[in-house]
Amino acid sequence: MLDQIKTVVTRSRDTLLSDALGATALMVILVVGLHLPSFS
């Protein structure tokens, strides 16, 4: 399984950073969206 992960990382090195940034942005949107009702 570790070999498969290494292969995926080496094949998708170009898009790995943008995918990580997109996932982080989605998590931030989720957390902010869940906390919005408590502000009103």
PDB file of N, CA and C in Angstrom:
ATOM      1  N   MET A   1       0.832  -1.189   0.000  1.00  0.00           N
ATOM      2  CA  MET A   1       0.000   0.000   0.000  1.00  0.00           C
ATOM      3  C   MET A   1       0.878   1.255   0.000  1.00  0.00           C
ATOM      4  N   LEU A   2       1.989   1.209   0.715  1.00  0.00           N
ATOM      5  CA  LEU A   2       2.886   2.361   0.749  1.00  0.00           C
ATOM      6  C   LEU A   2       3.467   2.627  -0.631  1.00  0.00           C
ATOM      7  N   ASP A   3       3.736   1.567  -1.384  1.00  0.00           N
ATOM      8  CA  ASP A   3       4.242   1.745  -2.746  1.00  0.00           C
ATOM      9  C   ASP A   3       3.205   2.419  -3.632  1.00  0.00           C
ATOM     10  N   GLN A   4       1.944   2.077  -3.444  1.00  0.00           N
ATOM     11  CA  GLN A   4       0.880   2.701  -4.230  1.00  0.00           C
ATOM     12  C   GLN A   4       0.760   4.188  -3.912  1.00  0.00           C
ATOM     13  N   ILE A   5       0.891   4.536  -2.642  1.00  0.00           N
ATOM     14  CA  ILE A   5       0.822   5.944  -2.244  1.00  0.00           C
ATOM     15  C   ILE A   5       1.988   6.714  -2.847  1.00  0.00           C
ATOM     16  N   LYS A   6       3.172   6.143  -2.813  1.00  0.00           N
ATOM     17  CA  LYS A   6       4.337   6.797  -3.409  1.00  0.00           C
ATOM     18  C   LYS A   6       4.150   6.987  -4.906  1.00  0.00           C
ATOM     19  N   THR A   7       3.572   5.999  -5.570  1.00  0.00           N
ATOM     20  CA  THR A   7       3.342   6.100  -7.006  1.00  0.00           C
ATOM     21  C   THR A   7       2.334   7.204  -7.321  1.00  0.00           C
ATOM     22  N   VAL A   8       1.276   7.285  -6.538  1.00  0.00           N
ATOM     23  CA  VAL A   8       0.266   8.325  -6.752  1.00  0.00           C
ATOM     24  C   VAL A   8       0.875   9.700  -6.536  1.00  0.00           C
ATOM     25  N   VAL A   9       1.692   9.847  -5.507  1.00  0.00           N
ATOM     26  CA  VAL A   9       2.296  11.152  -5.221  1.00  0.00           C
ATOM     27  C   VAL A   9       3.245  11.562  -6.343  1.00  0.00           C
ATOM     28  N   THR A  10       4.039  10.633  -6.848  1.00  0.00           N
ATOM     29  CA  THR A  10       4.972  10.995  -7.910  1.00  0.00           C
ATOM     30  C   THR A  10       4.247  11.282  -9.227  1.00  0.00           C
ATOM     31  N   ARG A  11       3.142  10.616  -9.482  1.00  0.00           N
ATOM     32  CA  ARG A  11       2.407  10.857 -10.728  1.00  0.00           C
ATOM     33  C   ARG A  11       1.619  12.157 -10.700  1.00  0.00           C
ATOM     34  N   SER A  12       1.111  12.526  -9.546  1.00  0.00           N
ATOM     35  CA  SER A  12       0.247  13.711  -9.464  1.00  0.00           C
ATOM     36  C   SER A  12       0.897  14.842  -8.680  1.00  0.00           C
ATOM     37  N   ARG A  13       2.202  14.965  -8.780  1.00  0.00           N
ATOM     38  CA  ARG A  13       2.918  16.000  -8.038  1.00  0.00           C
ATOM     39  C   ARG A  13       2.480  17.399  -8.460  1.00  0.00           C
ATOM     40  N   ASP A  14       2.118  17.576  -9.731  1.00  0.00           N
ATOM     41  CA  ASP A  14       1.737  18.902 -10.225  1.00  0.00           C
ATOM     42  C   ASP A  14       0.439  19.394  -9.597  1.00  0.00           C
ATOM     43  N   THR A  15      -0.506  18.515  -9.420  1.00  0.00           N
ATOM     44  CA  THR A  15      -1.817  18.937  -8.927  1.00  0.00           C
ATOM     45  C   THR A  15      -1.999  18.689  -7.435  1.00  0.00           C
ATOM     46  N   LEU A  16      -1.009  18.120  -6.784  1.00  0.00           N
ATOM     47  CA  LEU A  16      -1.156  17.773  -5.374  1.00  0.00           C
ATOM     48  C   LEU A  16      -1.333  19.015  -4.496  1.00  0.00           C
ATOM     49  N   LEU A  17      -0.569  20.057  -4.758  1.00  0.00           N
ATOM     50  CA  LEU A  17      -0.664  21.273  -3.950  1.00  0.00           C
ATOM     51  C   LEU A  17      -2.010  21.963  -4.148  1.00  0.00           C
ATOM     52  N   SER A  18      -2.453  22.063  -5.388  1.00  0.00           N
ATOM     53  CA  SER A  18      -3.739  22.718  -5.625  1.00  0.00           C
ATOM     54  C   SER A  18      -4.890  21.901  -5.051  1.00  0.00           C
ATOM     55  N   ASP A  19      -4.784  20.579  -5.079  1.00  0.00           N
ATOM     56  CA  ASP A  19      -5.818  19.744  -4.459  1.00  0.00           C
ATOM     57  C   ASP A  19      -5.840  19.938  -2.944  1.00  0.00           C
ATOM     58  N   ALA A  20      -4.674  20.043  -2.336  1.00  0.00           N
ATOM     59  CA  ALA A  20      -4.608  20.262  -0.893  1.00  0.00           C
ATOM     60  C   ALA A  20      -5.183  21.623  -0.522  1.00  0.00           C
ATOM     61  N   LEU A  21      -4.889  22.638  -1.332  1.00  0.00           N
ATOM     62  CA  LEU A  21      -5.448  23.961  -1.068  1.00  0.00           C
ATOM     63  C   LEU A  21      -6.963  23.966  -1.235  1.00  0.00           C
ATOM     64  N   GLY A  22      -7.465  23.254  -2.218  1.00  0.00           N
ATOM     65  CA  GLY A  22      -8.906  23.158  -2.416  1.00  0.00           C
ATOM     66  C   GLY A  22      -9.593  22.452  -1.268  1.00  0.00           C
ATOM     67  N   ALA A  23      -8.993  21.384  -0.782  1.00  0.00           N
ATOM     68  CA  ALA A  23      -9.569  20.657   0.352  1.00  0.00           C
ATOM     69  C   ALA A  23      -9.562  21.523   1.610  1.00  0.00           C
ATOM     70  N   THR A  24      -8.492  22.279   1.802  1.00  0.00           N
ATOM     71  CA  THR A  24      -8.418  23.188   2.952  1.00  0.00           C
ATOM     72  C   THR A  24      -9.485  24.271   2.853  1.00  0.00           C
ATOM     73  N   ALA A  25      -9.664  24.820   1.655  1.00  0.00           N
ATOM     74  CA  ALA A  25     -10.687  25.854   1.463  1.00  0.00           C
ATOM     75  C   ALA A  25     -12.079  25.298   1.745  1.00  0.00           C
ATOM     76  N   LEU A  26     -12.352  24.077   1.309  1.00  0.00           N
ATOM     77  CA  LEU A  26     -13.657  23.472   1.583  1.00  0.00           C
ATOM     78  C   LEU A  26     -13.877  23.262   3.076  1.00  0.00           C
ATOM     79  N   MET A  27     -12.848  22.872   3.792  1.00  0.00           N
ATOM     80  CA  MET A  27     -12.977  22.678   5.234  1.00  0.00           C
ATOM     81  C   MET A  27     -13.236  24.011   5.938  1.00  0.00           C
ATOM     82  N   VAL A  28     -12.553  25.065   5.489  1.00  0.00           N
ATOM     83  CA  VAL A  28     -12.772  26.385   6.086  1.00  0.00           C
ATOM     84  C   VAL A  28     -14.203  26.850   5.833  1.00  0.00           C
ATOM     85  N   ILE A  29     -14.689  26.656   4.607  1.00  0.00           N
ATOM     86  CA  ILE A  29     -16.070  27.035   4.287  1.00  0.00           C
ATOM     87  C   ILE A  29     -17.059  26.250   5.149  1.00  0.00           C
ATOM     88  N   LEU A  30     -16.793  24.964   5.347  1.00  0.00           N
ATOM     89  CA  LEU A  30     -17.672  24.140   6.173  1.00  0.00           C
ATOM     90  C   LEU A  30     -17.699  24.632   7.614  1.00  0.00           C
ATOM     91  N   VAL A  31     -16.542  24.887   8.192  1.00  0.00           N
ATOM     92  CA  VAL A  31     -16.474  25.318   9.588  1.00  0.00           C
ATOM     93  C   VAL A  31     -17.147  26.681   9.757  1.00  0.00           C
ATOM     94  N   VAL A  32     -16.870  27.606   8.849  1.00  0.00           N
ATOM     95  CA  VAL A  32     -17.485  28.935   8.942  1.00  0.00           C
ATOM     96  C   VAL A  32     -19.001  28.821   8.768  1.00  0.00           C
ATOM     97  N   GLY A  33     -19.440  27.999   7.829  1.00  0.00           N
ATOM     98  CA  GLY A  33     -20.865  27.824   7.616  1.00  0.00           C
ATOM     99  C   GLY A  33     -21.572  27.218   8.824  1.00  0.00           C
ATOM    100  N   LEU A  34     -20.906  26.341   9.524  1.00  0.00           N
ATOM    101  CA  LEU A  34     -21.514  25.744  10.707  1.00  0.00           C
ATOM    102  C   LEU A  34     -21.558  26.698  11.886  1.00  0.00           C
ATOM    103  N   HIS A  35     -20.654  27.687  11.906  1.00  0.00           N
ATOM    104  CA  HIS A  35     -20.628  28.622  13.007  1.00  0.00           C
ATOM    105  C   HIS A  35     -21.458  29.879  12.742  1.00  0.00           C
ATOM    106  N   LEU A  36     -21.938  30.082  11.536  1.00  0.00           N
ATOM    107  CA  LEU A  36     -22.720  31.275  11.226  1.00  0.00           C
ATOM    108  C   LEU A  36     -24.000  31.399  12.047  1.00  0.00           C
ATOM    109  N   PRO A  37     -24.753  30.341  12.281  1.00  0.00           N
ATOM    110  CA  PRO A  37     -25.982  30.492  13.069  1.00  0.00           C
ATOM    111  C   PRO A  37     -25.723  30.996  14.502  1.00  0.00           C
ATOM    112  N   SER A  38     -24.549  30.752  15.041  1.00  0.00           N
ATOM    113  CA  SER A  38     -24.291  31.190  16.415  1.00  0.00           C
ATOM    114  C   SER A  38     -23.999  32.685  16.499  1.00  0.00           C
ATOM    115  N   PHE A  39     -23.764  33.353  15.356  1.00  0.00           N
ATOM    116  CA  PHE A  39     -23.477  34.785  15.372  1.00  0.00           C
ATOM    117  C   PHE A  39     -24.753  35.627  15.428  1.00  0.00           C
ATOM    118  N   SER A  40     -25.878  35.049  15.063  1.00  0.00           N
ATOM    119  CA  SER A  40     -27.109  35.857  15.006  1.00  0.00           C
ATOM    120  C   SER A  40     -27.909  35.779  16.296  1.00  0.00           C
TER     121      SER A  40
END
